[in-house]
C-alpha atoms as a PDB file:
ATOM      1  CA  MET A   1       6.058 -36.050  28.014  1.00  0.00           C
ATOM      2  CA  PHE A   2       7.949 -32.814  28.689  1.00  0.00           C
ATOM      3  CA  ASP A   3       7.880 -32.218  32.406  1.00  0.00           C
ATOM      4  CA  TYR A   4       6.712 -28.696  33.212  1.00  0.00           C
ATOM      5  CA  THR A   5       3.818 -27.178  35.196  1.00  0.00           C
ATOM      6  CA  ALA A   6       2.960 -23.602  34.359  1.00  0.00           C
ATOM      7  CA  ARG A   7       1.620 -21.214  36.972  1.00  0.00           C
ATOM      8  CA  PRO A   8      -1.876 -19.904  36.134  1.00  0.00           C
ATOM      9  CA  GLU A   9      -0.859 -16.386  35.092  1.00  0.00           C
ATOM     10  CA  LEU A  10       2.394 -17.348  33.303  1.00  0.00           C
ATOM     11  CA  LEU A  11       1.588 -15.322  30.180  1.00  0.00           C
ATOM     12  CA  LYS A  12      -0.395 -12.454  31.690  1.00  0.00           C
ATOM     13  CA  ASP A  13      -0.283  -9.242  29.569  1.00  0.00           C
ATOM     14  CA  ARG A  14       1.595 -10.984  26.714  1.00  0.00           C
ATOM     15  CA  PHE A  15       0.692 -10.676  23.086  1.00  0.00           C
ATOM     16  CA  ILE A  16       1.282 -13.960  21.237  1.00  0.00           C
ATOM     17  CA  LEU A  17       0.668 -14.715  17.572  1.00  0.00           C
ATOM     18  CA  VAL A  18      -0.122 -18.328  16.640  1.00  0.00           C
ATOM     19  CA  THR A  19      -0.186 -19.474  13.059  1.00  0.00           C
ATOM     20  CA  GLY A  20      -2.486 -22.317  11.968  1.00  0.00           C
ATOM     21  CA  ALA A  21      -4.580 -21.428  15.040  1.00  0.00           C
ATOM     22  CA  GLY A  22      -7.833 -22.770  13.710  1.00  0.00           C
ATOM     23  CA  ARG A  23      -7.401 -26.405  14.525  1.00  0.00           C
ATOM     24  CA  GLY A  24      -5.113 -29.134  15.894  1.00  0.00           C
ATOM     25  CA  ILE A  25      -2.019 -28.117  17.795  1.00  0.00           C
ATOM     26  CA  GLY A  26      -2.384 -24.484  16.873  1.00  0.00           C
ATOM     27  CA  ALA A  27      -5.916 -24.223  18.319  1.00  0.00           C
ATOM     28  CA  ALA A  28      -4.790 -26.050  21.454  1.00  0.00           C
ATOM     29  CA  ALA A  29      -1.791 -23.758  21.878  1.00  0.00           C
ATOM     30  CA  ALA A  30      -3.890 -20.644  21.363  1.00  0.00           C
ATOM     31  CA  LYS A  31      -6.453 -21.730  23.970  1.00  0.00           C
ATOM     32  CA  THR A  32      -3.720 -22.788  26.376  1.00  0.00           C
ATOM     33  CA  TYR A  33      -1.859 -19.501  26.050  1.00  0.00           C
ATOM     34  CA  ALA A  34      -5.162 -17.580  26.563  1.00  0.00           C
ATOM     35  CA  ALA A  35      -5.917 -19.690  29.633  1.00  0.00           C
ATOM     36  CA  HIS A  36      -2.623 -18.541  31.090  1.00  0.00           C
ATOM     37  CA  GLY A  37      -3.301 -14.836  30.555  1.00  0.00           C
ATOM     38  CA  ALA A  38      -2.132 -14.096  27.029  1.00  0.00           C
ATOM     39  CA  THR A  39      -3.876 -12.051  24.405  1.00  0.00           C
ATOM     40  CA  VAL A  40      -3.669 -14.403  21.483  1.00  0.00           C
ATOM     41  CA  LEU A  41      -3.585 -13.341  17.798  1.00  0.00           C
ATOM     42  CA  LEU A  42      -5.240 -16.173  15.890  1.00  0.00           C
ATOM     43  CA  LEU A  43      -3.765 -16.385  12.388  1.00  0.00           C
ATOM     44  CA  GLY A  44      -4.988 -18.901   9.753  1.00  0.00           C
ATOM     45  CA  LYS A  45      -6.594 -19.239   6.333  1.00  0.00           C
ATOM     46  CA  THR A  46     -10.018 -20.486   7.401  1.00  0.00           C
ATOM     47  CA  GLU A  47     -11.918 -17.719   9.246  1.00  0.00           C
ATOM     48  CA  ALA A  48     -14.691 -20.040  10.431  1.00  0.00           C
ATOM     49  CA  ASN A  49     -12.186 -22.220  12.309  1.00  0.00           C
ATOM     50  CA  LEU A  50     -10.494 -19.162  13.827  1.00  0.00           C
ATOM     51  CA  THR A  51     -13.838 -17.771  14.906  1.00  0.00           C
ATOM     52  CA  GLN A  52     -14.698 -20.984  16.693  1.00  0.00           C
ATOM     53  CA  VAL A  53     -11.437 -20.822  18.658  1.00  0.00           C
ATOM     54  CA  TYR A  54     -12.095 -17.176  19.349  1.00  0.00           C
ATOM     55  CA  ASP A  55     -15.581 -17.998  20.727  1.00  0.00           C
ATOM     56  CA  GLU A  56     -14.184 -20.781  22.990  1.00  0.00           C
ATOM     57  CA  ILE A  57     -11.569 -18.446  24.399  1.00  0.00           C
ATOM     58  CA  GLU A  58     -14.053 -15.704  25.043  1.00  0.00           C
ATOM     59  CA  ALA A  59     -16.653 -18.046  26.544  1.00  0.00           C
ATOM     60  CA  ALA A  60     -13.957 -19.294  28.969  1.00  0.00           C
ATOM     61  CA  GLY A  61     -13.481 -15.737  30.200  1.00  0.00           C
ATOM     62  CA  HIS A  62      -9.906 -15.357  28.968  1.00  0.00           C
ATOM     63  CA  PRO A  63      -8.404 -12.191  27.400  1.00  0.00           C
ATOM     64  CA  GLN A  64     -10.154 -11.280  24.175  1.00  0.00           C
ATOM     65  CA  PRO A  65      -8.214 -12.721  21.228  1.00  0.00           C
ATOM     66  CA  ALA A  66      -7.933 -11.348  17.689  1.00  0.00           C
ATOM     67  CA  VAL A  67      -8.800 -13.160  14.484  1.00  0.00           C
ATOM     68  CA  ILE A  68      -6.449 -12.644  11.550  1.00  0.00           C
ATOM     69  CA  PRO A  69      -7.463 -14.434   8.334  1.00  0.00           C
ATOM     70  CA  PHE A  70      -4.255 -14.848   6.350  1.00  0.00           C
ATOM     71  CA  ASN A  71      -3.364 -17.300   3.600  1.00  0.00           C
ATOM     72  CA  LEU A  72       0.324 -18.227   3.959  1.00  0.00           C
ATOM     73  CA  GLU A  73       0.299 -19.951   0.568  1.00  0.00           C
ATOM     74  CA  THR A  74      -0.707 -16.944  -1.483  1.00  0.00           C
ATOM     75  CA  ALA A  75       0.327 -13.956   0.646  1.00  0.00           C
ATOM     76  CA  LEU A  76       2.490 -11.364  -1.079  1.00  0.00           C
ATOM     77  CA  PRO A  77       5.348  -9.399   0.593  1.00  0.00           C
ATOM     78  CA  HIS A  78       3.308  -6.241   0.969  1.00  0.00           C
ATOM     79  CA  GLN A  79       0.643  -8.202   2.861  1.00  0.00           C
ATOM     80  CA  TYR A  80       3.188  -9.183   5.457  1.00  0.00           C
ATOM     81  CA  ASP A  81       4.150  -5.506   5.854  1.00  0.00           C
ATOM     82  CA  GLU A  82       0.432  -4.620   6.245  1.00  0.00           C
ATOM     83  CA  LEU A  83       0.047  -7.379   8.840  1.00  0.00           C
ATOM     84  CA  ALA A  84       2.969  -6.030  10.867  1.00  0.00           C
ATOM     85  CA  ALA A  85       1.642  -2.467  10.655  1.00  0.00           C
ATOM     86  CA  MET A  86      -1.806  -3.653  11.864  1.00  0.00           C
ATOM     87  CA  ILE A  87      -0.285  -5.515  14.844  1.00  0.00           C
ATOM     88  CA  GLU A  88       1.839  -2.512  15.778  1.00  0.00           C
ATOM     89  CA  THR A  89      -1.175  -0.241  15.654  1.00  0.00           C
ATOM     90  CA  GLU A  90      -3.459  -2.512  17.622  1.00  0.00           C
ATOM     91  CA  PHE A  91      -1.043  -4.014  20.082  1.00  0.00           C
ATOM     92  CA  GLY A  92       2.231  -2.033  20.000  1.00  0.00           C
ATOM     93  CA  HIS A  93       4.560  -5.072  20.095  1.00  0.00           C
ATOM     94  CA  LEU A  94       4.640  -8.867  20.218  1.00  0.00           C
ATOM     95  CA  ASP A  95       5.875 -11.045  23.014  1.00  0.00           C
ATOM     96  CA  GLY A  96       5.607 -14.395  21.204  1.00  0.00           C
ATOM     97  CA  LEU A  97       5.355 -16.031  17.814  1.00  0.00           C
ATOM     98  CA  LEU A  98       4.483 -19.720  17.389  1.00  0.00           C
ATOM     99  CA  HIS A  99       5.136 -21.013  13.915  1.00  0.00           C
ATOM    100  CA  ASN A 100       2.664 -23.883  13.840  1.00  0.00           C
ATOM    101  CA  ALA A 101       1.044 -23.786  10.379  1.00  0.00           C
ATOM    102  CA  SER A 102       2.371 -26.237   7.822  1.00  0.00           C
ATOM    103  CA  ILE A 103       1.207 -28.643   5.118  1.00  0.00           C
ATOM    104  CA  ILE A 104       2.380 -32.193   4.623  1.00  0.00           C
ATOM    105  CA  GLY A 105       2.300 -32.582   0.813  1.00  0.00           C
ATOM    106  CA  PRO A 106       2.628 -35.921  -0.964  1.00  0.00           C
ATOM    107  CA  ARG A 107       4.587 -38.672   0.799  1.00  0.00           C
ATOM    108  CA  THR A 108       6.437 -40.048  -2.161  1.00  0.00           C
ATOM    109  CA  PRO A 109       9.944 -40.835  -3.475  1.00  0.00           C
ATOM    110  CA  ILE A 110      11.929 -37.787  -4.462  1.00  0.00           C
ATOM    111  CA  GLU A 111      12.034 -39.081  -8.048  1.00  0.00           C
ATOM    112  CA  GLN A 112       8.202 -38.966  -8.193  1.00  0.00           C
ATOM    113  CA  LEU A 113       7.679 -35.676  -6.376  1.00  0.00           C
ATOM    114  CA  SER A 114       6.493 -33.008  -8.697  1.00  0.00           C
ATOM    115  CA  GLY A 115       8.154 -29.582  -8.662  1.00  0.00           C
ATOM    116  CA  GLU A 116       4.755 -28.049  -8.146  1.00  0.00           C
ATOM    117  CA  ASN A 117       4.083 -30.014  -4.988  1.00  0.00           C
ATOM    118  CA  PHE A 118       7.608 -29.406  -3.672  1.00  0.00           C
ATOM    119  CA  MET A 119       7.298 -25.648  -4.124  1.00  0.00           C
ATOM    120  CA  ARG A 120       3.819 -25.505  -2.567  1.00  0.00           C
ATOM    121  CA  VAL A 121       5.062 -27.196   0.602  1.00  0.00           C
ATOM    122  CA  MET A 122       8.119 -24.969   0.764  1.00  0.00           C
ATOM    123  CA  GLN A 123       5.988 -21.857   0.189  1.00  0.00           C
ATOM    124  CA  VAL A 124       3.850 -22.566   3.290  1.00  0.00           C
ATOM    125  CA  ASN A 125       6.313 -24.271   5.504  1.00  0.00           C
ATOM    126  CA  VAL A 126       9.452 -22.266   4.763  1.00  0.00           C
ATOM    127  CA  ASN A 127       8.991 -19.106   2.692  1.00  0.00           C
ATOM    128  CA  ALA A 128       5.959 -17.894   4.691  1.00  0.00           C
ATOM    129  CA  MET A 129       7.602 -18.737   7.969  1.00  0.00           C
ATOM    130  CA  PHE A 130      10.668 -16.646   6.913  1.00  0.00           C
ATOM    131  CA  MET A 131       8.486 -13.745   5.822  1.00  0.00           C
ATOM    132  CA  LEU A 132       6.572 -13.727   9.102  1.00  0.00           C
ATOM    133  CA  THR A 133       9.768 -14.002  11.166  1.00  0.00           C
ATOM    134  CA  SER A 134      11.654 -11.188   9.390  1.00  0.00           C
ATOM    135  CA  THR A 135       8.629  -8.889   9.165  1.00  0.00           C
ATOM    136  CA  LEU A 136       7.558  -9.292  12.777  1.00  0.00           C
ATOM    137  CA  LEU A 137      11.053  -9.326  14.361  1.00  0.00           C
ATOM    138  CA  PRO A 138      11.007  -5.557  14.935  1.00  0.00           C
ATOM    139  CA  LEU A 139       7.762  -5.971  16.961  1.00  0.00           C
ATOM    140  CA  LEU A 140       9.309  -8.831  18.952  1.00  0.00           C
ATOM    141  CA  LYS A 141      12.408  -6.749  19.702  1.00  0.00           C
ATOM    142  CA  LEU A 142      10.106  -4.168  21.375  1.00  0.00           C
ATOM    143  CA  SER A 143       9.197  -6.736  24.019  1.00  0.00           C
ATOM    144  CA  GLN A 144      11.215  -7.134  27.193  1.00  0.00           C
ATOM    145  CA  ASP A 145      11.133 -10.921  26.807  1.00  0.00           C
ATOM    146  CA  ALA A 146      10.103 -12.349  23.448  1.00  0.00           C
ATOM    147  CA  SER A 147      10.020 -15.908  22.235  1.00  0.00           C
ATOM    148  CA  VAL A 148       9.880 -17.348  18.698  1.00  0.00           C
ATOM    149  CA  VAL A 149       8.927 -21.033  18.614  1.00  0.00           C
ATOM    150  CA  PHE A 150       9.296 -23.029  15.427  1.00  0.00           C
ATOM    151  CA  THR A 151       7.435 -26.352  14.864  1.00  0.00           C
ATOM    152  CA  SER A 152       9.832 -29.014  13.669  1.00  0.00           C
ATOM    153  CA  SER A 153       9.545 -32.781  13.183  1.00  0.00           C
ATOM    154  CA  SER A 154      11.606 -35.921  13.718  1.00  0.00           C
ATOM    155  CA  VAL A 155      11.952 -36.032   9.874  1.00  0.00           C
ATOM    156  CA  GLY A 156      13.500 -32.589  10.071  1.00  0.00           C
ATOM    157  CA  ARG A 157      16.230 -33.785  12.356  1.00  0.00           C
ATOM    158  CA  LYS A 158      17.100 -37.056  10.577  1.00  0.00           C
ATOM    159  CA  GLY A 159      16.178 -37.609   6.956  1.00  0.00           C
ATOM    160  CA  ARG A 160      13.648 -40.305   6.254  1.00  0.00           C
ATOM    161  CA  ALA A 161      12.593 -41.814   2.961  1.00  0.00           C
ATOM    162  CA  TYR A 162       9.382 -40.645   1.263  1.00  0.00           C
ATOM    163  CA  TRP A 163       8.945 -37.615   3.418  1.00  0.00           C
ATOM    164  CA  GLY A 164      10.040 -35.424   0.542  1.00  0.00           C
ATOM    165  CA  ALA A 165       9.192 -31.771   0.618  1.00  0.00           C
ATOM    166  CA  TYR A 166       7.864 -31.953   4.215  1.00  0.00           C
ATOM    167  CA  GLY A 167      11.072 -33.387   5.603  1.00  0.00           C
ATOM    168  CA  VAL A 168      13.205 -30.875   3.694  1.00  0.00           C
ATOM    169  CA  SER A 169      11.010 -28.024   4.939  1.00  0.00           C
ATOM    170  CA  LYS A 170      11.471 -29.096   8.509  1.00  0.00           C
ATOM    171  CA  PHE A 171      15.311 -29.224   8.071  1.00  0.00           C
ATOM    172  CA  ALA A 172      14.957 -25.672   6.792  1.00  0.00           C
ATOM    173  CA  THR A 173      12.825 -24.834   9.878  1.00  0.00           C
ATOM    174  CA  GLU A 174      15.634 -25.981  12.167  1.00  0.00           C
ATOM    175  CA  GLY A 175      18.118 -23.970  10.114  1.00  0.00           C
ATOM    176  CA  LEU A 176      16.105 -20.819  10.349  1.00  0.00           C
ATOM    177  CA  MET A 177      15.620 -21.326  14.096  1.00  0.00           C
ATOM    178  CA  GLN A 178      19.346 -21.750  14.665  1.00  0.00           C
ATOM    179  CA  THR A 179      20.280 -18.805  12.389  1.00  0.00           C
ATOM    180  CA  LEU A 180      17.862 -16.528  14.205  1.00  0.00           C
ATOM    181  CA  ALA A 181      19.053 -17.741  17.564  1.00  0.00           C
ATOM    182  CA  ASP A 182      22.658 -16.939  16.777  1.00  0.00           C
ATOM    183  CA  GLU A 183      21.735 -13.491  15.493  1.00  0.00           C
ATOM    184  CA  VAL A 184      19.753 -12.428  18.533  1.00  0.00           C
ATOM    185  CA  GLU A 185      22.036 -14.013  21.122  1.00  0.00           C
ATOM    186  CA  GLY A 186      23.165 -11.212  23.466  1.00  0.00           C
ATOM    187  CA  VAL A 187      21.801  -8.571  21.030  1.00  0.00           C
ATOM    188  CA  ALA A 188      18.001  -8.593  21.463  1.00  0.00           C
ATOM    189  CA  PRO A 189      15.564  -9.751  24.125  1.00  0.00           C
ATOM    190  CA  VAL A 190      14.347 -12.446  21.750  1.00  0.00           C
ATOM    191  CA  ARG A 191      14.969 -16.211  21.987  1.00  0.00           C
ATOM    192  CA  SER A 192      14.448 -18.809  19.259  1.00  0.00           C
ATOM    193  CA  ASN A 193      13.824 -22.522  19.694  1.00  0.00           C
ATOM    194  CA  SER A 194      12.068 -25.415  18.049  1.00  0.00           C
ATOM    195  CA  ILE A 195       9.607 -28.088  19.167  1.00  0.00           C
ATOM    196  CA  ASN A 196       9.077 -31.540  17.639  1.00  0.00           C
ATOM    197  CA  PRO A 197       5.531 -32.372  18.691  1.00  0.00           C
ATOM    198  CA  GLY A 198       5.881 -36.081  17.990  1.00  0.00           C
ATOM    199  CA  GLY A 199       2.941 -38.259  16.980  1.00  0.00           C
ATOM    200  CA  THR A 200      -0.206 -36.299  18.019  1.00  0.00           C
ATOM    201  CA  ARG A 201      -3.914 -36.887  17.470  1.00  0.00           C
ATOM    202  CA  THR A 202      -4.421 -34.422  14.604  1.00  0.00           C
ATOM    203  CA  SER A 203      -5.801 -34.505  11.096  1.00  0.00           C
ATOM    204  CA  MET A 204      -2.283 -34.092   9.641  1.00  0.00           C
ATOM    205  CA  ARG A 205      -1.108 -37.155  11.534  1.00  0.00           C
ATOM    206  CA  ALA A 206      -4.114 -39.111  10.252  1.00  0.00           C
ATOM    207  CA  GLN A 207      -3.216 -37.943   6.707  1.00  0.00           C
ATOM    208  CA  ALA A 208       0.349 -39.190   7.156  1.00  0.00           C
ATOM    209  CA  TYR A 209      -0.571 -42.437   8.864  1.00  0.00           C
ATOM    210  CA  PRO A 210      -4.094 -43.420   7.716  1.00  0.00           C
ATOM    211  CA  GLY A 211      -3.836 -46.946   9.101  1.00  0.00           C
ATOM    212  CA  GLU A 212      -2.733 -45.852  12.601  1.00  0.00           C
ATOM    213  CA  ASN A 213      -5.037 -45.952  15.578  1.00  0.00           C
ATOM    214  CA  PRO A 214      -5.234 -42.273  16.599  1.00  0.00           C
ATOM    215  CA  LEU A 215      -6.053 -43.200  20.175  1.00  0.00           C
ATOM    216  CA  ASN A 216      -2.447 -44.374  20.554  1.00  0.00           C
ATOM    217  CA  ASN A 217      -1.290 -40.755  20.255  1.00  0.00           C
ATOM    218  CA  PRO A 218      -1.684 -37.954  22.810  1.00  0.00           C
ATOM    219  CA  THR A 219      -4.131 -35.142  22.095  1.00  0.00           C
ATOM    220  CA  PRO A 220      -2.733 -31.692  21.230  1.00  0.00           C
ATOM    221  CA  GLU A 221      -3.764 -30.507  24.768  1.00  0.00           C
ATOM    222  CA  GLU A 222      -1.574 -33.190  26.314  1.00  0.00           C
ATOM    223  CA  ILE A 223       1.646 -31.964  24.684  1.00  0.00           C
ATOM    224  CA  MET A 224       1.245 -28.309  25.741  1.00  0.00           C
ATOM    225  CA  PRO A 225       3.752 -28.235  28.641  1.00  0.00           C
ATOM    226  CA  VAL A 226       6.727 -27.483  26.436  1.00  0.00           C
ATOM    227  CA  TYR A 227       4.739 -24.937  24.431  1.00  0.00           C
ATOM    228  CA  LEU A 228       3.993 -23.097  27.654  1.00  0.00           C
ATOM    229  CA  TYR A 229       7.566 -23.398  28.899  1.00  0.00           C
ATOM    230  CA  LEU A 230       9.118 -21.888  25.785  1.00  0.00           C
ATOM    231  CA  MET A 231       6.639 -19.084  25.449  1.00  0.00           C
ATOM    232  CA  GLY A 232       6.866 -17.939  29.102  1.00  0.00           C
ATOM    233  CA  PRO A 233       9.524 -16.272  31.233  1.00  0.00           C
ATOM    234  CA  ASP A 234      10.753 -19.547  32.759  1.00  0.00           C
ATOM    235  CA  SER A 235      12.672 -20.269  29.563  1.00  0.00           C
ATOM    236  CA  SER A 236      14.376 -16.866  29.485  1.00  0.00           C
ATOM    237  CA  GLY A 237      17.928 -17.424  28.302  1.00  0.00           C
ATOM    238  CA  ILE A 238      17.118 -20.687  26.510  1.00  0.00           C
ATOM    239  CA  ASN A 239      18.065 -20.035  22.875  1.00  0.00           C
ATOM    240  CA  GLY A 240      18.851 -22.124  19.819  1.00  0.00           C
ATOM    241  CA  GLN A 241      17.667 -25.453  21.332  1.00  0.00           C
ATOM    242  CA  ALA A 242      15.599 -28.228  19.768  1.00  0.00           C
ATOM    243  CA  PHE A 243      12.942 -29.582  22.150  1.00  0.00           C
ATOM    244  CA  ASN A 244      10.717 -32.657  22.039  1.00  0.00           C
ATOM    245  CA  ALA A 245       7.155 -32.361  23.311  1.00  0.00           C
ATOM    246  CA  GLN A 246       7.073 -36.078  24.147  1.00  0.00           C
END
């Protein structure tokens, strides 16, 4: 596990947007960021899940989060502009963006992967991630110390059979992270890095490995040290790097 212990108020007064914040790693990250002082913007497609995370954060006495229902699969360009305008009006700027939301799609040979399924995975995992990054970058540049964290995978660092669209999308994730990192290096107070969570006890992992004993994998809460490190000031100056949570 990544070795890092965050101080209690590591993220005090920071505004951090988390995609896929309704469950799994996204929910754990949102609650962890809030517990360390951040105002968290909870973005996802299922409002009921986001509301549950909101209620847990509020019940714990942490800064009041914001719920942002947003479907990354169907969102149009003007909706990203409206999202950015809303965030600027309500919060003024962003200090962090965690790209966590993604879908796995069919695990099948390339020859048998339909174009429809390929494009659906790329829409959520790559196109939407690009749109959010490019649209929200001006708000991140208004921060004195902003961090963009991309969620990668081991299959996005070395190709593996039958991971199809998901694997390709995670290679694209690493490419976008590196491109952004090179563009902001020495130019803007923004850093860009990626995290490979590794096998974690989530519904997506169960979907990918239905025969696996989930108890053999850590919970999302247990892999949070690297998520805290990259989102806080202790990683200032770290840019363009690929991290492993485990």
